[in-house]
């Protein structure tokens, strides 16, 4: 038990830091009126985007079957070319 006494100072400091952060951060952001927040959101949604950007839909993803298949490149045993290990 005596060997764990060196942990006490760090535990006290950690607890004090957590208490201070919770007390200091309680009024940090302030309250925003619900109507003002809704108005800001509405303006942000209807805002016109810059000319260089565009809205696109999410790309459609192929359903994975769990099997990896390599596409063939036409080099098979029937086209006259043979592969050698040398």
PDB file of N, CA and C in Angstrom:
ATOM      1  N   UNK A   1       0.819  -1.192   0.000  1.00  0.00           N
ATOM      2  CA  UNK A   1       0.000   0.000   0.000  1.00  0.00           C
ATOM      3  C   UNK A   1       0.866   1.260   0.000  1.00  0.00           C
ATOM      4  N   UNK A   2       1.975   1.212   0.703  1.00  0.00           N
ATOM      5  CA  UNK A   2       2.844   2.380   0.787  1.00  0.00           C
ATOM      6  C   UNK A   2       3.443   2.739  -0.570  1.00  0.00           C
ATOM      7  N   UNK A   3       3.606   1.747  -1.415  1.00  0.00           N
ATOM      8  CA  UNK A   3       4.211   2.006  -2.722  1.00  0.00           C
ATOM      9  C   UNK A   3       3.279   2.820  -3.618  1.00  0.00           C
ATOM     10  N   UNK A   4       1.987   2.793  -3.343  1.00  0.00           N
ATOM     11  CA  UNK A   4       1.031   3.540  -4.164  1.00  0.00           C
ATOM     12  C   UNK A   4       0.858   4.977  -3.710  1.00  0.00           C
ATOM     13  N   UNK A   5       1.521   5.387  -2.639  1.00  0.00           N
ATOM     14  CA  UNK A   5       1.376   6.759  -2.151  1.00  0.00           C
ATOM     15  C   UNK A   5       1.904   7.792  -3.136  1.00  0.00           C
ATOM     16  N   UNK A   6       2.786   7.408  -4.028  1.00  0.00           N
ATOM     17  CA  UNK A   6       3.288   8.359  -5.010  1.00  0.00           C
ATOM     18  C   UNK A   6       2.218   8.750  -6.025  1.00  0.00           C
ATOM     19  N   UNK A   7       1.142   7.989  -6.097  1.00  0.00           N
ATOM     20  CA  UNK A   7       0.037   8.319  -6.999  1.00  0.00           C
ATOM     21  C   UNK A   7      -0.878   9.395  -6.429  1.00  0.00           C
ATOM     22  N   UNK A   8      -0.842   9.618  -5.135  1.00  0.00           N
ATOM     23  CA  UNK A   8      -1.762  10.559  -4.501  1.00  0.00           C
ATOM     24  C   UNK A   8      -1.596  11.985  -5.053  1.00  0.00           C
ATOM     25  N   UNK A   9      -0.390  12.541  -5.154  1.00  0.00           N
ATOM     26  CA  UNK A   9      -0.291  13.913  -5.682  1.00  0.00           C
ATOM     27  C   UNK A   9      -0.843  14.055  -7.104  1.00  0.00           C
ATOM     28  N   UNK A  10      -0.561  13.088  -7.972  1.00  0.00           N
ATOM     29  CA  UNK A  10      -1.067  13.201  -9.340  1.00  0.00           C
ATOM     30  C   UNK A  10      -2.585  13.043  -9.381  1.00  0.00           C
ATOM     31  N   UNK A  11      -3.152  12.210  -8.518  1.00  0.00           N
ATOM     32  CA  UNK A  11      -4.607  12.061  -8.467  1.00  0.00           C
ATOM     33  C   UNK A  11      -5.259  13.343  -7.965  1.00  0.00           C
ATOM     34  N   UNK A  12      -4.644  14.001  -6.971  1.00  0.00           N
ATOM     35  CA  UNK A  12      -5.190  15.255  -6.451  1.00  0.00           C
ATOM     36  C   UNK A  12      -5.131  16.338  -7.517  1.00  0.00           C
ATOM     37  N   UNK A  13      -4.020  16.414  -8.242  1.00  0.00           N
ATOM     38  CA  UNK A  13      -3.890  17.415  -9.300  1.00  0.00           C
ATOM     39  C   UNK A  13      -4.905  17.154 -10.408  1.00  0.00           C
ATOM     40  N   UNK A  14      -5.089  15.901 -10.805  1.00  0.00           N
ATOM     41  CA  UNK A  14      -6.062  15.573 -11.855  1.00  0.00           C
ATOM     42  C   UNK A  14      -7.478  15.928 -11.412  1.00  0.00           C
ATOM     43  N   UNK A  15      -7.813  15.607 -10.165  1.00  0.00           N
ATOM     44  CA  UNK A  15      -9.149  15.930  -9.664  1.00  0.00           C
ATOM     45  C   UNK A  15      -9.353  17.439  -9.614  1.00  0.00           C
ATOM     46  N   UNK A  16      -8.343  18.178  -9.161  1.00  0.00           N
ATOM     47  CA  UNK A  16      -8.452  19.634  -9.093  1.00  0.00           C
ATOM     48  C   UNK A  16      -8.611  20.227 -10.500  1.00  0.00           C
ATOM     49  N   UNK A  17      -7.879  19.686 -11.485  1.00  0.00           N
ATOM     50  CA  UNK A  17      -7.991  20.174 -12.855  1.00  0.00           C
ATOM     51  C   UNK A  17      -9.382  19.906 -13.414  1.00  0.00           C
ATOM     52  N   UNK A  18      -9.936  18.734 -13.156  1.00  0.00           N
ATOM     53  CA  UNK A  18     -11.285  18.415 -13.638  1.00  0.00           C
ATOM     54  C   UNK A  18     -12.323  19.333 -13.000  1.00  0.00           C
ATOM     55  N   UNK A  19     -12.169  19.602 -11.706  1.00  0.00           N
ATOM     56  CA  UNK A  19     -13.115  20.486 -11.022  1.00  0.00           C
ATOM     57  C   UNK A  19     -13.013  21.906 -11.568  1.00  0.00           C
ATOM     58  N   UNK A  20     -11.796  22.381 -11.802  1.00  0.00           N
ATOM     59  CA  UNK A  20     -11.627  23.741 -12.315  1.00  0.00           C
ATOM     60  C   UNK A  20     -12.192  23.876 -13.723  1.00  0.00           C
ATOM     61  N   UNK A  21     -11.930  22.890 -14.587  1.00  0.00           N
ATOM     62  CA  UNK A  21     -12.437  22.950 -15.959  1.00  0.00           C
ATOM     63  C   UNK A  21     -13.959  22.907 -15.971  1.00  0.00           C
ATOM     64  N   UNK A  22     -14.561  22.078 -15.132  1.00  0.00           N
ATOM     65  CA  UNK A  22     -16.018  22.012 -15.113  1.00  0.00           C
ATOM     66  C   UNK A  22     -16.618  23.314 -14.587  1.00  0.00           C
ATOM     67  N   UNK A  23     -15.940  23.979 -13.643  1.00  0.00           N
ATOM     68  CA  UNK A  23     -16.444  25.243 -13.125  1.00  0.00           C
ATOM     69  C   UNK A  23     -16.200  26.375 -14.121  1.00  0.00           C
ATOM     70  N   UNK A  24     -15.038  26.423 -14.729  1.00  0.00           N
ATOM     71  CA  UNK A  24     -14.691  27.512 -15.639  1.00  0.00           C
ATOM     72  C   UNK A  24     -15.467  27.415 -16.951  1.00  0.00           C
ATOM     73  N   UNK A  25     -15.790  26.228 -17.393  1.00  0.00           N
ATOM     74  CA  UNK A  25     -16.450  26.062 -18.683  1.00  0.00           C
ATOM     75  C   UNK A  25     -17.954  26.090 -18.632  1.00  0.00           C
ATOM     76  N   UNK A  26     -18.545  26.282 -17.473  1.00  0.00           N
ATOM     77  CA  UNK A  26     -20.007  26.193 -17.363  1.00  0.00           C
ATOM     78  C   UNK A  26     -20.729  27.319 -18.080  1.00  0.00           C
ATOM     79  N   UNK A  27     -20.165  28.521 -18.124  1.00  0.00           N
ATOM     80  CA  UNK A  27     -20.825  29.639 -18.797  1.00  0.00           C
ATOM     81  C   UNK A  27     -19.991  30.148 -19.963  1.00  0.00           C
ATOM     82  N   UNK A  28     -19.134  29.315 -20.492  1.00  0.00           N
ATOM     83  CA  UNK A  28     -18.212  29.777 -21.517  1.00  0.00           C
ATOM     84  C   UNK A  28     -18.874  30.174 -22.819  1.00  0.00           C
ATOM     85  N   UNK A  29     -19.860  29.435 -23.277  1.00  0.00           N
ATOM     86  CA  UNK A  29     -20.438  29.705 -24.594  1.00  0.00           C
ATOM     87  C   UNK A  29     -21.632  30.624 -24.530  1.00  0.00           C
ATOM     88  N   UNK A  30     -22.327  30.638 -23.451  1.00  0.00           N
ATOM     89  CA  UNK A  30     -23.513  31.484 -23.352  1.00  0.00           C
ATOM     90  C   UNK A  30     -24.711  30.840 -24.036  1.00  0.00           C
ATOM     91  N   UNK A  31     -25.868  31.367 -23.762  1.00  0.00           N
ATOM     92  CA  UNK A  31     -27.100  30.839 -24.336  1.00  0.00           C
ATOM     93  C   UNK A  31     -27.428  31.566 -25.638  1.00  0.00           C
ATOM     94  N   UNK A  32     -27.872  30.822 -26.618  1.00  0.00           N
ATOM     95  CA  UNK A  32     -28.320  31.390 -27.883  1.00  0.00           C
ATOM     96  C   UNK A  32     -29.819  31.156 -27.961  1.00  0.00           C
ATOM     97  N   UNK A  33     -30.538  32.212 -28.300  1.00  0.00           N
ATOM     98  CA  UNK A  33     -31.988  32.110 -28.410  1.00  0.00           C
ATOM     99  C   UNK A  33     -32.345  31.101 -29.500  1.00  0.00           C
ATOM    100  N   UNK A  34     -33.360  30.292 -29.231  1.00  0.00           N
ATOM    101  CA  UNK A  34     -33.756  29.250 -30.182  1.00  0.00           C
ATOM    102  C   UNK A  34     -34.181  29.840 -31.523  1.00  0.00           C
ATOM    103  N   UNK A  35     -34.896  30.934 -31.492  1.00  0.00           N
ATOM    104  CA  UNK A  35     -35.355  31.558 -32.737  1.00  0.00           C
ATOM    105  C   UNK A  35     -34.173  32.079 -33.553  1.00  0.00           C
ATOM    106  N   UNK A  36     -33.183  32.640 -32.872  1.00  0.00           N
ATOM    107  CA  UNK A  36     -32.003  33.142 -33.572  1.00  0.00           C
ATOM    108  C   UNK A  36     -31.241  31.977 -34.198  1.00  0.00           C
ATOM    109  N   UNK A  37     -31.145  30.866 -33.479  1.00  0.00           N
ATOM    110  CA  UNK A  37     -30.450  29.699 -34.010  1.00  0.00           C
ATOM    111  C   UNK A  37     -31.169  29.140 -35.237  1.00  0.00           C
ATOM    112  N   UNK A  38     -32.489  29.093 -35.195  1.00  0.00           N
ATOM    113  CA  UNK A  38     -33.261  28.599 -36.340  1.00  0.00           C
ATOM    114  C   UNK A  38     -33.090  29.532 -37.535  1.00  0.00           C
ATOM    115  N   UNK A  39     -33.070  30.829 -37.281  1.00  0.00           N
ATOM    116  CA  UNK A  39     -32.888  31.789 -38.366  1.00  0.00           C
ATOM    117  C   UNK A  39     -31.503  31.640 -39.000  1.00  0.00           C
ATOM    118  N   UNK A  40     -30.475  31.465 -38.181  1.00  0.00           N
ATOM    119  CA  UNK A  40     -29.121  31.269 -38.707  1.00  0.00           C
ATOM    120  C   UNK A  40     -29.022  29.999 -39.536  1.00  0.00           C
ATOM    121  N   UNK A  41     -29.653  28.939 -39.052  1.00  0.00           N
ATOM    122  CA  UNK A  41     -29.634  27.675 -39.786  1.00  0.00           C
ATOM    123  C   UNK A  41     -30.338  27.826 -41.126  1.00  0.00           C
ATOM    124  N   UNK A  42     -31.471  28.500 -41.142  1.00  0.00           N
ATOM    125  CA  UNK A  42     -32.205  28.717 -42.392  1.00  0.00           C
ATOM    126  C   UNK A  42     -31.390  29.503 -43.401  1.00  0.00           C
ATOM    127  N   UNK A  43     -30.695  30.544 -42.929  1.00  0.00           N
ATOM    128  CA  UNK A  43     -29.854  31.325 -43.838  1.00  0.00           C
ATOM    129  C   UNK A  43     -28.705  30.487 -44.379  1.00  0.00           C
ATOM    130  N   UNK A  44     -28.120  29.657 -43.533  1.00  0.00           N
ATOM    131  CA  UNK A  44     -26.987  28.839 -43.969  1.00  0.00           C
ATOM    132  C   UNK A  44     -27.415  27.808 -45.002  1.00  0.00           C
ATOM    133  N   UNK A  45     -28.607  27.250 -44.838  1.00  0.00           N
ATOM    134  CA  UNK A  45     -29.082  26.228 -45.773  1.00  0.00           C
ATOM    135  C   UNK A  45     -29.427  26.833 -47.131  1.00  0.00           C
ATOM    136  N   UNK A  46     -30.040  28.006 -47.117  1.00  0.00           N
ATOM    137  CA  UNK A  46     -30.471  28.611 -48.383  1.00  0.00           C
ATOM    138  C   UNK A  46     -29.386  29.444 -49.033  1.00  0.00           C
ATOM    139  N   UNK A  47     -28.257  29.601 -48.395  1.00  0.00           N
ATOM    140  CA  UNK A  47     -27.179  30.427 -48.943  1.00  0.00           C
ATOM    141  C   UNK A  47     -26.661  29.821 -50.242  1.00  0.00           C
ATOM    142  N   UNK A  48     -26.427  30.680 -51.207  1.00  0.00           N
ATOM    143  CA  UNK A  48     -25.908  30.248 -52.502  1.00  0.00           C
ATOM    144  C   UNK A  48     -24.427  29.888 -52.356  1.00  0.00           C
ATOM    145  N   UNK A  49     -24.045  28.782 -52.948  1.00  0.00           N
ATOM    146  CA  UNK A  49     -22.660  28.346 -52.875  1.00  0.00           C
ATOM    147  C   UNK A  49     -21.795  29.133 -53.848  1.00  0.00           C
ATOM    148  N   UNK A  50     -20.501  29.249 -53.578  1.00  0.00           N
ATOM    149  CA  UNK A  50     -19.600  29.904 -54.536  1.00  0.00           C
ATOM    150  C   UNK A  50     -19.588  29.165 -55.867  1.00  0.00           C
ATOM    151  N   UNK A  51     -19.140  29.841 -56.914  1.00  0.00           N
ATOM    152  CA  UNK A  51     -19.207  29.292 -58.269  1.00  0.00           C
ATOM    153  C   UNK A  51     -18.361  28.034 -58.432  1.00  0.00           C
ATOM    154  N   UNK A  52     -17.289  27.893 -57.702  1.00  0.00           N
ATOM    155  CA  UNK A  52     -16.396  26.747 -57.884  1.00  0.00           C
ATOM    156  C   UNK A  52     -16.867  25.475 -57.212  1.00  0.00           C
ATOM    157  N   UNK A  53     -17.913  25.540 -56.424  1.00  0.00           N
ATOM    158  CA  UNK A  53     -18.372  24.348 -55.722  1.00  0.00           C
ATOM    159  C   UNK A  53     -19.701  23.886 -56.288  1.00  0.00           C
ATOM    160  N   UNK A  54     -20.000  22.639 -56.062  1.00  0.00           N
ATOM    161  CA  UNK A  54     -21.276  22.105 -56.513  1.00  0.00           C
ATOM    162  C   UNK A  54     -21.738  21.046 -55.527  1.00  0.00           C
ATOM    163  N   UNK A  55     -23.012  20.886 -55.449  1.00  0.00           N
ATOM    164  CA  UNK A  55     -23.585  19.875 -54.577  1.00  0.00           C
ATOM    165  C   UNK A  55     -23.765  18.598 -55.383  1.00  0.00           C
ATOM    166  N   UNK A  56     -23.232  17.526 -54.858  1.00  0.00           N
ATOM    167  CA  UNK A  56     -23.368  16.236 -55.534  1.00  0.00           C
ATOM    168  C   UNK A  56     -23.956  15.236 -54.561  1.00  0.00           C
ATOM    169  N   UNK A  57     -24.586  14.254 -55.111  1.00  0.00           N
ATOM    170  CA  UNK A  57     -25.114  13.202 -54.266  1.00  0.00           C
ATOM    171  C   UNK A  57     -23.987  12.244 -53.900  1.00  0.00           C
ATOM    172  N   UNK A  58     -24.207  11.489 -52.870  1.00  0.00           N
ATOM    173  CA  UNK A  58     -23.200  10.533 -52.426  1.00  0.00           C
ATOM    174  C   UNK A  58     -23.025   9.456 -53.493  1.00  0.00           C
ATOM    175  N   UNK A  59     -21.806   9.038 -53.762  1.00  0.00           N
ATOM    176  CA  UNK A  59     -21.605   8.014 -54.787  1.00  0.00           C
ATOM    177  C   UNK A  59     -22.228   6.691 -54.344  1.00  0.00           C
ATOM    178  N   UNK A  60     -22.796   5.998 -55.321  1.00  0.00           N
ATOM    179  CA  UNK A  60     -23.397   4.714 -55.008  1.00  0.00           C
ATOM    180  C   UNK A  60     -22.292   3.678 -54.836  1.00  0.00           C
ATOM    181  N   UNK A  61     -22.399   2.906 -53.785  1.00  0.00           N
ATOM    182  CA  UNK A  61     -21.383   1.905 -53.493  1.00  0.00           C
ATOM    183  C   UNK A  61     -21.875   0.532 -53.914  1.00  0.00           C
ATOM    184  N   UNK A  62     -20.957  -0.254 -54.471  1.00  0.00           N
ATOM    185  CA  UNK A  62     -21.292  -1.619 -54.825  1.00  0.00           C
ATOM    186  C   UNK A  62     -21.413  -2.436 -53.549  1.00  0.00           C
ATOM    187  N   UNK A  63     -22.355  -3.324 -53.546  1.00  0.00           N
ATOM    188  CA  UNK A  63     -22.536  -4.198 -52.394  1.00  0.00           C
ATOM    189  C   UNK A  63     -21.416  -5.221 -52.384  1.00  0.00           C
ATOM    190  N   UNK A  64     -20.707  -5.287 -51.294  1.00  0.00           N
ATOM    191  CA  UNK A  64     -19.581  -6.196 -51.199  1.00  0.00           C
ATOM    192  C   UNK A  64     -20.071  -7.620 -50.972  1.00  0.00           C
ATOM    193  N   UNK A  65     -19.489  -8.549 -51.711  1.00  0.00           N
ATOM    194  CA  UNK A  65     -19.838  -9.954 -51.516  1.00  0.00           C
ATOM    195  C   UNK A  65     -18.858 -10.649 -50.597  1.00  0.00           C
ATOM    196  N   UNK A  66     -17.772  -9.969 -50.252  1.00  0.00           N
ATOM    197  CA  UNK A  66     -16.778 -10.567 -49.378  1.00  0.00           C
ATOM    198  C   UNK A  66     -15.738 -11.364 -50.127  1.00  0.00           C
ATOM    199  N   UNK A  67     -15.818 -11.405 -51.451  1.00  0.00           N
ATOM    200  CA  UNK A  67     -14.869 -12.166 -52.256  1.00  0.00           C
ATOM    201  C   UNK A  67     -14.107 -11.181 -53.137  1.00  0.00           C
ATOM    202  N   UNK A  68     -12.782 -11.254 -53.077  1.00  0.00           N
ATOM    203  CA  UNK A  68     -11.965 -10.381 -53.904  1.00  0.00           C
ATOM    204  C   UNK A  68     -11.743 -11.047 -55.250  1.00  0.00           C
ATOM    205  N   UNK A  69     -12.078 -10.348 -56.328  1.00  0.00           N
ATOM    206  CA  UNK A  69     -11.926 -10.886 -57.672  1.00  0.00           C
ATOM    207  C   UNK A  69     -11.101  -9.901 -58.475  1.00  0.00           C
ATOM    208  N   UNK A  70     -10.022 -10.384 -59.064  1.00  0.00           N
ATOM    209  CA  UNK A  70      -9.206  -9.532 -59.921  1.00  0.00           C
ATOM    210  C   UNK A  70      -9.765  -9.548 -61.336  1.00  0.00           C
ATOM    211  N   UNK A  71      -9.853  -8.388 -61.952  1.00  0.00           N
ATOM    212  CA  UNK A  71     -10.335  -8.371 -63.332  1.00  0.00           C
ATOM    213  C   UNK A  71      -9.275  -8.949 -64.266  1.00  0.00           C
ATOM    214  N   UNK A  72      -9.726  -9.690 -65.244  1.00  0.00           N
ATOM    215  CA  UNK A  72      -8.781 -10.258 -66.201  1.00  0.00           C
ATOM    216  C   UNK A  72      -8.407  -9.192 -67.218  1.00  0.00           C
ATOM    217  N   UNK A  73      -7.172  -9.254 -67.697  1.00  0.00           N
ATOM    218  CA  UNK A  73      -6.694  -8.282 -68.678  1.00  0.00           C
ATOM    219  C   UNK A  73      -6.551  -8.897 -70.064  1.00  0.00           C
ATOM    220  N   UNK A  74      -7.173  -9.993 -70.300  1.00  0.00           N
ATOM    221  CA  UNK A  74      -7.144 -10.597 -71.619  1.00  0.00           C
ATOM    222  C   UNK A  74      -5.950 -11.509 -71.853  1.00  0.00           C
ATOM    223  N   UNK A  75      -5.016 -11.590 -70.943  1.00  0.00           N
ATOM    224  CA  UNK A  75      -3.844 -12.455 -71.126  1.00  0.00           C
ATOM    225  C   UNK A  75      -4.162 -13.816 -70.525  1.00  0.00           C
ATOM    226  N   UNK A  76      -4.748 -14.658 -71.301  1.00  0.00           N
ATOM    227  CA  UNK A  76      -5.114 -15.983 -70.822  1.00  0.00           C
ATOM    228  C   UNK A  76      -4.449 -17.063 -71.635  1.00  0.00           C
ATOM    229  N   UNK A  77      -4.706 -18.304 -71.313  1.00  0.00           N
ATOM    230  CA  UNK A  77      -4.065 -19.416 -72.027  1.00  0.00           C
ATOM    231  C   UNK A  77      -4.546 -19.554 -73.459  1.00  0.00           C
ATOM    232  N   UNK A  78      -5.651 -18.997 -73.829  1.00  0.00           N
ATOM    233  CA  UNK A  78      -6.184 -19.185 -75.156  1.00  0.00           C
ATOM    234  C   UNK A  78      -5.739 -18.147 -76.171  1.00  0.00           C
ATOM    235  N   UNK A  79      -4.977 -17.115 -75.781  1.00  0.00           N
ATOM    236  CA  UNK A  79      -4.635 -16.077 -76.745  1.00  0.00           C
ATOM    237  C   UNK A  79      -3.230 -16.211 -77.319  1.00  0.00           C
ATOM    238  N   UNK A  80      -2.548 -17.339 -77.095  1.00  0.00           N
ATOM    239  CA  UNK A  80      -1.264 -17.596 -77.717  1.00  0.00           C
ATOM    240  C   UNK A  80      -0.058 -17.168 -76.888  1.00  0.00           C
ATOM    241  N   UNK A  81      -0.237 -16.410 -75.855  1.00  0.00           N
ATOM    242  CA  UNK A  81       0.893 -16.020 -75.014  1.00  0.00           C
ATOM    243  C   UNK A  81       0.981 -16.946 -73.817  1.00  0.00           C
ATOM    244  N   UNK A  82       2.186 -17.250 -73.453  1.00  0.00           N
ATOM    245  CA  UNK A  82       2.369 -18.120 -72.275  1.00  0.00           C
ATOM    246  C   UNK A  82       3.234 -17.376 -71.270  1.00  0.00           C
ATOM    247  N   UNK A  83       3.015 -17.678 -70.028  1.00  0.00           N
ATOM    248  CA  UNK A  83       3.777 -17.046 -68.962  1.00  0.00           C
ATOM    249  C   UNK A  83       4.790 -18.051 -68.446  1.00  0.00           C
ATOM    250  N   UNK A  84       5.995 -17.584 -68.275  1.00  0.00           N
ATOM    251  CA  UNK A  84       7.052 -18.454 -67.785  1.00  0.00           C
ATOM    252  C   UNK A  84       7.659 -17.841 -66.534  1.00  0.00           C
ATOM    253  N   UNK A  85       8.130 -18.691 -65.660  1.00  0.00           N
ATOM    254  CA  UNK A  85       8.683 -18.231 -64.398  1.00  0.00           C
ATOM    255  C   UNK A  85      10.143 -17.819 -64.520  1.00  0.00           C
ATOM    256  N   UNK A  86      10.772 -18.027 -65.643  1.00  0.00           N
ATOM    257  CA  UNK A  86      12.209 -17.720 -65.754  1.00  0.00           C
ATOM    258  C   UNK A  86      12.419 -16.327 -66.096  1.00  0.00           C
TER     259      UNK A  86
END
